[in-house]
């Protein structure tokens, strides 16, 4: 859960140094512009945009094969509940 780590790039750098890792998957919250109260309650420092996350991975030595987003319908609910209605749960 690198979104919950203040210095995410350092954490990703440390992960990249583990020799036994050949392949991996990162699942992170997307679309930084919908960061809201729900993220704060979940102790997220950030949400990621695809290009920003790709840059962090490349800067730390990862060979990115594919980046994609999923669960797009949930974005509307997240934005409505956390930004418009300002709910915290």
Protein backbone atom coordinates (compact mmCIF):
# COMPACT_ATOMS: atom_id res chain seq x y z
CA UNK A 1 0.00 0.00 0.00
CA UNK A 2 2.47 2.58 -1.17
CA UNK A 3 -0.23 5.25 -1.22
CA UNK A 4 -0.04 5.09 2.59
CA UNK A 5 3.70 5.71 2.72
CA UNK A 6 4.89 9.29 2.82
CA UNK A 7 8.02 8.70 0.74
CA UNK A 8 6.64 6.32 -1.86
CA UNK A 9 9.57 6.66 -4.27
CA UNK A 10 11.99 5.48 -1.57
CA UNK A 11 9.77 2.48 -0.84
CA UNK A 12 9.57 1.57 -4.53
CA UNK A 13 13.35 1.94 -4.78
CA UNK A 14 13.80 -0.50 -1.90
CA UNK A 15 11.40 -2.98 -3.52
CA UNK A 16 13.39 -2.79 -6.77
CA UNK A 17 16.54 -3.89 -4.90
CA UNK A 18 15.07 -7.24 -3.86
CA UNK A 19 16.86 -9.67 -6.16
CA UNK A 20 14.30 -12.46 -5.96
CA UNK A 21 11.54 -10.34 -7.49
CA UNK A 22 11.20 -11.13 -11.19
CA UNK A 23 7.65 -9.94 -11.82
CA UNK A 24 5.13 -8.00 -9.83
CA UNK A 25 1.90 -6.10 -9.76
CA UNK A 26 1.21 -2.77 -8.10
CA UNK A 27 -2.40 -1.88 -7.42
CA UNK A 28 -2.72 1.74 -6.38
CA UNK A 29 -5.61 4.21 -6.16
CA UNK A 30 -5.86 6.19 -9.37
CA UNK A 31 -6.84 9.66 -10.54
CA UNK A 32 -5.07 12.11 -8.28
CA UNK A 33 -7.61 14.89 -8.85
CA UNK A 34 -10.31 12.96 -6.94
CA UNK A 35 -8.23 12.77 -3.74
CA UNK A 36 -10.73 13.57 -0.98
CA UNK A 37 -11.93 12.94 2.58
CA UNK A 38 -12.21 9.19 2.01
CA UNK A 39 -8.51 9.05 1.12
CA UNK A 40 -7.65 11.05 4.23
CA UNK A 41 -9.62 8.65 6.45
CA UNK A 42 -7.83 5.70 4.82
CA UNK A 43 -4.51 7.46 5.50
CA UNK A 44 -3.63 7.80 1.83
CA UNK A 45 -0.95 10.39 1.14
CA UNK A 46 -1.84 10.41 -2.53
CA UNK A 47 -3.61 8.90 -5.50
CA UNK A 48 -1.74 8.23 -8.73
CA UNK A 49 -2.14 9.17 -12.34
CA UNK A 50 -0.89 6.60 -14.84
CA UNK A 51 1.92 8.76 -16.22
CA UNK A 52 3.12 9.81 -12.76
CA UNK A 53 3.21 6.23 -11.53
CA UNK A 54 4.96 5.02 -14.68
CA UNK A 55 7.63 7.71 -14.12
CA UNK A 56 8.20 6.63 -10.50
CA UNK A 57 8.57 3.00 -11.57
CA UNK A 58 11.01 3.78 -14.40
CA UNK A 59 13.08 6.07 -12.15
CA UNK A 60 13.48 3.16 -9.76
CA UNK A 61 14.58 0.61 -12.31
CA UNK A 62 11.36 -1.21 -13.06
CA UNK A 63 10.70 -2.44 -16.58
CA UNK A 64 7.02 -1.65 -17.01
CA UNK A 65 5.19 -4.00 -19.35
CA UNK A 66 1.68 -2.68 -18.89
CA UNK A 67 -0.24 -0.13 -16.87
CA UNK A 68 -4.00 -0.03 -16.91
CA UNK A 69 -6.91 1.15 -14.84
CA UNK A 70 -9.91 -0.87 -13.78
CA UNK A 71 -13.08 -0.50 -11.74
CA UNK A 72 -13.76 2.82 -13.47
CA UNK A 73 -17.41 2.96 -12.41
CA UNK A 74 -16.29 3.18 -8.78
CA UNK A 75 -14.59 6.52 -9.50
CA UNK A 76 -17.99 8.19 -9.77
CA UNK A 77 -19.06 6.85 -6.38
CA UNK A 78 -15.75 7.78 -4.76
CA UNK A 79 -15.94 11.32 -6.10
CA UNK A 80 -19.60 11.75 -5.16
CA UNK A 81 -19.26 10.37 -1.64
CA UNK A 82 -15.91 11.92 -0.73
CA UNK A 83 -15.85 15.19 -2.65
CA UNK A 84 -19.43 16.30 -3.21
CA UNK A 85 -21.05 14.85 -0.06
CA UNK A 86 -17.83 15.04 1.99
CA UNK A 87 -18.52 11.71 3.66
CA UNK A 88 -15.71 10.13 5.67
CA UNK A 89 -16.91 6.52 5.59
